[in-house]
């Protein structure tokens, strides 16, 4: 769960991000475009996490700000992956490529039928 200054993101904000991302992904025309979009979000999450790690703890405000940005970037990438998986009915190969490896959670086990 992403964190903001007051605690966890309010449920309404989380729903808005998820539904907005789903709407955006629904308009992407091909799997290639979806993967390019997802990989750009994953790269942004990696870069933000790197900035967070490189921020000295003595710079409290800056460290907090960078952490919040990194959390937001991570949530965007995860929500985009969820929307793509829902749209296509499966995870695409780009989910496990270098840009997204370590950013996206492992696939959820599918229930037995």
N, C-alpha and C. Protein backbone atom coordinates (compact mmCIF):
# COMPACT_ATOMS: atom_id res chain seq x y z
N UNK A 1 0.85 -1.18 0.00
CA UNK A 1 0.00 0.00 0.00
C UNK A 1 0.89 1.23 0.00
N UNK A 2 0.55 2.20 -0.83
CA UNK A 2 1.31 3.44 -0.88
C UNK A 2 1.05 4.26 0.37
N UNK A 3 2.03 5.07 0.71
CA UNK A 3 1.92 5.87 1.92
C UNK A 3 1.98 7.34 1.56
N UNK A 4 1.22 8.16 2.25
CA UNK A 4 1.30 9.61 2.08
C UNK A 4 1.54 10.23 3.45
N UNK A 5 1.71 11.53 3.49
CA UNK A 5 2.05 12.19 4.74
C UNK A 5 1.11 11.86 5.87
N UNK A 6 -0.17 11.70 5.60
CA UNK A 6 -1.14 11.42 6.64
C UNK A 6 -1.37 9.94 6.87
N UNK A 7 -0.62 9.07 6.23
CA UNK A 7 -0.82 7.63 6.37
C UNK A 7 -1.06 7.00 5.01
N UNK A 8 -1.92 6.01 4.97
CA UNK A 8 -2.22 5.31 3.72
C UNK A 8 -3.06 6.20 2.81
N UNK A 9 -2.96 5.93 1.50
CA UNK A 9 -3.79 6.66 0.54
C UNK A 9 -5.25 6.35 0.85
N UNK A 10 -6.10 7.38 0.92
CA UNK A 10 -7.51 7.12 1.17
C UNK A 10 -8.09 6.21 0.09
N UNK A 11 -9.02 5.33 0.45
CA UNK A 11 -9.58 4.39 -0.54
C UNK A 11 -10.11 5.06 -1.79
N UNK A 12 -10.73 6.22 -1.67
CA UNK A 12 -11.27 6.90 -2.85
C UNK A 12 -10.16 7.30 -3.80
N UNK A 13 -9.03 7.75 -3.28
CA UNK A 13 -7.91 8.13 -4.14
C UNK A 13 -7.33 6.91 -4.84
N UNK A 14 -7.24 5.80 -4.12
CA UNK A 14 -6.73 4.57 -4.71
C UNK A 14 -7.65 4.09 -5.83
N UNK A 15 -8.94 4.18 -5.64
CA UNK A 15 -9.90 3.77 -6.67
C UNK A 15 -9.77 4.68 -7.88
N UNK A 16 -9.62 5.97 -7.67
CA UNK A 16 -9.48 6.91 -8.79
C UNK A 16 -8.24 6.58 -9.61
N UNK A 17 -7.12 6.28 -8.95
CA UNK A 17 -5.90 5.93 -9.67
C UNK A 17 -6.10 4.65 -10.47
N UNK A 18 -6.69 3.63 -9.85
CA UNK A 18 -6.90 2.36 -10.53
C UNK A 18 -7.86 2.50 -11.72
N UNK A 19 -8.99 3.19 -11.51
CA UNK A 19 -9.96 3.31 -12.61
C UNK A 19 -9.41 4.22 -13.70
N UNK A 20 -8.69 5.25 -13.32
CA UNK A 20 -8.08 6.13 -14.33
C UNK A 20 -7.05 5.39 -15.15
N UNK A 21 -6.24 4.56 -14.49
CA UNK A 21 -5.23 3.78 -15.19
C UNK A 21 -5.90 2.76 -16.10
N UNK A 22 -6.95 2.11 -15.61
CA UNK A 22 -7.67 1.13 -16.43
C UNK A 22 -8.25 1.80 -17.68
N UNK A 23 -8.81 2.99 -17.51
CA UNK A 23 -9.36 3.72 -18.66
C UNK A 23 -8.26 4.08 -19.65
N UNK A 24 -7.12 4.51 -19.12
CA UNK A 24 -6.01 4.88 -20.01
C UNK A 24 -5.50 3.66 -20.77
N UNK A 25 -5.28 2.57 -20.05
CA UNK A 25 -4.76 1.34 -20.68
C UNK A 25 -5.75 0.80 -21.70
N UNK A 26 -7.03 0.94 -21.43
CA UNK A 26 -8.05 0.46 -22.38
C UNK A 26 -7.91 1.15 -23.74
N UNK A 27 -7.41 2.38 -23.74
CA UNK A 27 -7.24 3.12 -24.99
C UNK A 27 -5.94 2.84 -25.72
N UNK A 28 -5.04 2.08 -25.12
CA UNK A 28 -3.78 1.76 -25.80
C UNK A 28 -4.05 0.69 -26.84
N UNK A 29 -3.56 0.89 -28.08
CA UNK A 29 -3.99 0.04 -29.19
C UNK A 29 -3.37 -1.35 -29.29
N UNK A 30 -2.13 -1.51 -28.83
CA UNK A 30 -1.46 -2.80 -29.03
C UNK A 30 -0.71 -3.22 -27.77
N UNK A 31 -0.36 -4.50 -27.74
CA UNK A 31 0.45 -5.01 -26.63
C UNK A 31 1.81 -4.32 -26.59
N UNK A 32 2.37 -4.01 -27.74
CA UNK A 32 3.67 -3.35 -27.79
C UNK A 32 3.59 -1.97 -27.14
N UNK A 33 2.56 -1.22 -27.43
CA UNK A 33 2.38 0.10 -26.83
C UNK A 33 2.16 -0.05 -25.33
N UNK A 34 1.38 -1.04 -24.94
CA UNK A 34 1.14 -1.29 -23.51
C UNK A 34 2.45 -1.60 -22.79
N UNK A 35 3.28 -2.45 -23.39
CA UNK A 35 4.56 -2.80 -22.78
C UNK A 35 5.49 -1.59 -22.71
N UNK A 36 5.52 -0.79 -23.76
CA UNK A 36 6.36 0.42 -23.74
C UNK A 36 5.93 1.35 -22.62
N UNK A 37 4.63 1.52 -22.46
CA UNK A 37 4.09 2.37 -21.40
C UNK A 37 4.45 1.80 -20.03
N UNK A 38 4.23 0.50 -19.84
CA UNK A 38 4.52 -0.13 -18.56
C UNK A 38 6.00 -0.04 -18.23
N UNK A 39 6.85 -0.29 -19.20
CA UNK A 39 8.29 -0.24 -18.94
C UNK A 39 8.75 1.18 -18.60
N UNK A 40 8.12 2.19 -19.19
CA UNK A 40 8.49 3.56 -18.83
C UNK A 40 8.09 3.85 -17.38
N UNK A 41 6.94 3.33 -16.94
CA UNK A 41 6.54 3.50 -15.54
C UNK A 41 7.48 2.75 -14.60
N UNK A 42 7.89 1.56 -15.00
CA UNK A 42 8.83 0.79 -14.16
C UNK A 42 10.17 1.50 -14.06
N UNK A 43 10.67 2.06 -15.17
CA UNK A 43 11.93 2.82 -15.12
C UNK A 43 11.81 4.02 -14.19
N UNK A 44 10.68 4.71 -14.25
CA UNK A 44 10.46 5.87 -13.37
C UNK A 44 10.46 5.42 -11.90
N UNK A 45 9.87 4.27 -11.62
CA UNK A 45 9.85 3.75 -10.24
C UNK A 45 11.27 3.42 -9.78
N UNK A 46 12.07 2.80 -10.65
CA UNK A 46 13.47 2.49 -10.30
C UNK A 46 14.26 3.76 -10.03
N UNK A 47 14.10 4.74 -10.90
CA UNK A 47 14.84 6.00 -10.72
C UNK A 47 14.44 6.70 -9.43
N UNK A 48 13.16 6.73 -9.14
CA UNK A 48 12.68 7.36 -7.90
C UNK A 48 13.20 6.63 -6.67
N UNK A 49 13.21 5.32 -6.72
CA UNK A 49 13.73 4.54 -5.60
C UNK A 49 15.22 4.82 -5.41
N UNK A 50 15.95 4.95 -6.50
CA UNK A 50 17.38 5.27 -6.42
C UNK A 50 17.62 6.63 -5.80
N UNK A 51 16.78 7.60 -6.16
CA UNK A 51 16.91 8.94 -5.56
C UNK A 51 16.62 8.88 -4.07
N UNK A 52 15.63 8.08 -3.70
CA UNK A 52 15.28 7.94 -2.29
C UNK A 52 16.46 7.37 -1.51
N UNK A 53 17.06 6.32 -2.05
CA UNK A 53 18.19 5.69 -1.37
C UNK A 53 19.39 6.62 -1.27
N UNK A 54 19.54 7.52 -2.25
CA UNK A 54 20.67 8.43 -2.27
C UNK A 54 20.47 9.70 -1.47
N UNK A 55 19.28 9.88 -0.90
CA UNK A 55 19.00 11.08 -0.13
C UNK A 55 19.44 10.86 1.32
N UNK A 56 20.28 11.75 1.84
CA UNK A 56 20.74 11.56 3.22
C UNK A 56 19.60 11.67 4.22
N UNK A 57 19.58 10.79 5.20
CA UNK A 57 18.51 10.83 6.21
C UNK A 57 18.45 12.15 6.95
N UNK A 58 19.57 12.87 7.01
CA UNK A 58 19.57 14.16 7.71
C UNK A 58 18.70 15.19 7.00
N UNK A 59 18.40 14.97 5.74
CA UNK A 59 17.53 15.86 4.98
C UNK A 59 16.10 15.32 5.07
N UNK A 60 15.52 15.39 6.27
CA UNK A 60 14.22 14.77 6.55
C UNK A 60 13.15 15.08 5.52
N UNK A 61 12.95 16.36 5.25
CA UNK A 61 11.89 16.75 4.33
C UNK A 61 12.13 16.17 2.95
N UNK A 62 13.35 16.32 2.44
CA UNK A 62 13.68 15.82 1.11
C UNK A 62 13.57 14.30 1.06
N UNK A 63 14.04 13.61 2.10
CA UNK A 63 13.95 12.15 2.13
C UNK A 63 12.49 11.70 2.12
N UNK A 64 11.66 12.39 2.89
CA UNK A 64 10.22 12.05 2.92
C UNK A 64 9.59 12.30 1.56
N UNK A 65 9.91 13.44 0.97
CA UNK A 65 9.36 13.79 -0.35
C UNK A 65 9.76 12.75 -1.39
N UNK A 66 11.03 12.40 -1.43
CA UNK A 66 11.51 11.42 -2.41
C UNK A 66 10.86 10.05 -2.17
N UNK A 67 10.67 9.69 -0.91
CA UNK A 67 9.99 8.43 -0.60
C UNK A 67 8.56 8.41 -1.08
N UNK A 68 7.86 9.52 -0.92
CA UNK A 68 6.47 9.61 -1.37
C UNK A 68 6.38 9.53 -2.89
N UNK A 69 7.30 10.18 -3.56
CA UNK A 69 7.32 10.12 -5.03
C UNK A 69 7.60 8.69 -5.48
N UNK A 70 8.56 8.03 -4.85
CA UNK A 70 8.87 6.65 -5.21
C UNK A 70 7.67 5.74 -4.99
N UNK A 71 6.97 5.92 -3.86
CA UNK A 71 5.76 5.12 -3.60
C UNK A 71 4.71 5.34 -4.69
N UNK A 72 4.53 6.59 -5.10
CA UNK A 72 3.54 6.90 -6.13
C UNK A 72 3.92 6.27 -7.46
N UNK A 73 5.19 6.34 -7.82
CA UNK A 73 5.65 5.74 -9.08
C UNK A 73 5.47 4.22 -9.07
N UNK A 74 5.76 3.61 -7.94
CA UNK A 74 5.59 2.16 -7.81
C UNK A 74 4.11 1.80 -7.97
N UNK A 75 3.24 2.54 -7.31
CA UNK A 75 1.80 2.27 -7.38
C UNK A 75 1.29 2.43 -8.82
N UNK A 76 1.78 3.44 -9.53
CA UNK A 76 1.38 3.64 -10.93
C UNK A 76 1.76 2.43 -11.78
N UNK A 77 2.98 1.94 -11.60
CA UNK A 77 3.43 0.79 -12.39
C UNK A 77 2.61 -0.46 -12.07
N UNK A 78 2.34 -0.69 -10.80
CA UNK A 78 1.54 -1.86 -10.41
C UNK A 78 0.12 -1.74 -10.94
N UNK A 79 -0.47 -0.55 -10.84
CA UNK A 79 -1.83 -0.36 -11.35
C UNK A 79 -1.89 -0.53 -12.87
N UNK A 80 -0.87 -0.05 -13.56
CA UNK A 80 -0.83 -0.24 -15.02
C UNK A 80 -0.71 -1.72 -15.37
N UNK A 81 0.15 -2.44 -14.65
CA UNK A 81 0.29 -3.88 -14.91
C UNK A 81 -1.02 -4.61 -14.65
N UNK A 82 -1.70 -4.25 -13.56
CA UNK A 82 -3.00 -4.87 -13.25
C UNK A 82 -4.01 -4.59 -14.36
N UNK A 83 -4.03 -3.35 -14.85
CA UNK A 83 -4.98 -2.98 -15.90
C UNK A 83 -4.67 -3.72 -17.20
N UNK A 84 -3.39 -3.85 -17.53
CA UNK A 84 -3.00 -4.57 -18.75
C UNK A 84 -3.36 -6.04 -18.63
N UNK A 85 -3.07 -6.62 -17.47
CA UNK A 85 -3.40 -8.03 -17.26
C UNK A 85 -4.91 -8.26 -17.35
N UNK A 86 -5.67 -7.36 -16.79
CA UNK A 86 -7.14 -7.48 -16.85
C UNK A 86 -7.62 -7.33 -18.29
N UNK A 87 -7.07 -6.38 -19.03
CA UNK A 87 -7.48 -6.14 -20.43
C UNK A 87 -7.14 -7.34 -21.31
N UNK A 88 -5.95 -7.89 -21.15
CA UNK A 88 -5.48 -8.97 -22.02
C UNK A 88 -5.82 -10.36 -21.50
N UNK A 89 -6.17 -10.45 -20.21
CA UNK A 89 -6.48 -11.75 -19.64
C UNK A 89 -5.26 -12.57 -19.29
N UNK A 90 -4.09 -11.94 -19.33
CA UNK A 90 -2.84 -12.62 -19.01
C UNK A 90 -1.74 -11.58 -18.78
N UNK A 91 -0.67 -12.04 -18.15
CA UNK A 91 0.51 -11.18 -18.00
C UNK A 91 1.30 -11.22 -19.30
N UNK A 92 1.79 -10.08 -19.72
CA UNK A 92 2.58 -10.01 -20.94
C UNK A 92 4.05 -10.31 -20.61
N UNK A 93 4.82 -10.76 -21.60
CA UNK A 93 6.24 -11.06 -21.35
C UNK A 93 7.03 -9.88 -20.77
N UNK A 94 6.65 -8.66 -21.09
CA UNK A 94 7.39 -7.49 -20.60
C UNK A 94 7.27 -7.32 -19.08
N UNK A 95 6.33 -7.99 -18.46
CA UNK A 95 6.18 -7.88 -17.01
C UNK A 95 7.41 -8.38 -16.27
N UNK A 96 8.15 -9.30 -16.88
CA UNK A 96 9.32 -9.89 -16.22
C UNK A 96 10.64 -9.44 -16.84
N UNK A 97 10.59 -8.50 -17.78
CA UNK A 97 11.83 -7.98 -18.36
C UNK A 97 12.53 -7.08 -17.36
N UNK A 98 13.79 -6.77 -17.62
CA UNK A 98 14.63 -6.06 -16.66
C UNK A 98 14.01 -4.79 -16.08
N UNK A 99 13.38 -3.96 -16.91
CA UNK A 99 12.81 -2.71 -16.40
C UNK A 99 11.77 -2.94 -15.32
N UNK A 100 10.99 -4.00 -15.44
CA UNK A 100 9.90 -4.24 -14.49
C UNK A 100 10.20 -5.33 -13.47
N UNK A 101 11.28 -6.05 -13.66
CA UNK A 101 11.66 -7.08 -12.67
C UNK A 101 12.00 -6.38 -11.36
N UNK A 102 11.42 -6.81 -10.29
CA UNK A 102 11.67 -6.19 -9.00
C UNK A 102 10.74 -5.04 -8.68
N UNK A 103 10.05 -4.52 -9.68
CA UNK A 103 9.07 -3.45 -9.47
C UNK A 103 7.68 -4.06 -9.31
N UNK A 104 7.36 -4.97 -10.21
CA UNK A 104 6.03 -5.59 -10.18
C UNK A 104 6.05 -6.82 -9.28
N UNK A 105 4.98 -7.03 -8.55
CA UNK A 105 4.91 -8.23 -7.72
C UNK A 105 4.83 -9.48 -8.58
N UNK A 106 5.17 -10.60 -7.98
CA UNK A 106 5.06 -11.88 -8.68
C UNK A 106 3.59 -12.12 -9.04
N UNK A 107 3.35 -12.94 -10.05
CA UNK A 107 1.95 -13.22 -10.41
C UNK A 107 1.21 -13.89 -9.27
N UNK A 108 -0.05 -13.54 -9.17
CA UNK A 108 -0.91 -14.17 -8.15
C UNK A 108 -1.25 -15.58 -8.61
N UNK A 109 -1.25 -16.53 -7.70
CA UNK A 109 -1.64 -17.89 -8.10
C UNK A 109 -3.09 -17.91 -8.55
N UNK A 110 -3.34 -18.61 -9.60
CA UNK A 110 -4.71 -18.74 -10.11
C UNK A 110 -5.43 -19.85 -9.34
N UNK A 111 -6.67 -19.62 -8.98
CA UNK A 111 -7.42 -20.66 -8.26
C UNK A 111 -7.63 -21.89 -9.14
N UNK A 112 -7.61 -23.05 -8.52
CA UNK A 112 -7.86 -24.30 -9.25
C UNK A 112 -9.31 -24.31 -9.71
N UNK A 113 -9.53 -24.88 -10.86
CA UNK A 113 -10.90 -24.91 -11.40
C UNK A 113 -11.53 -26.23 -11.17
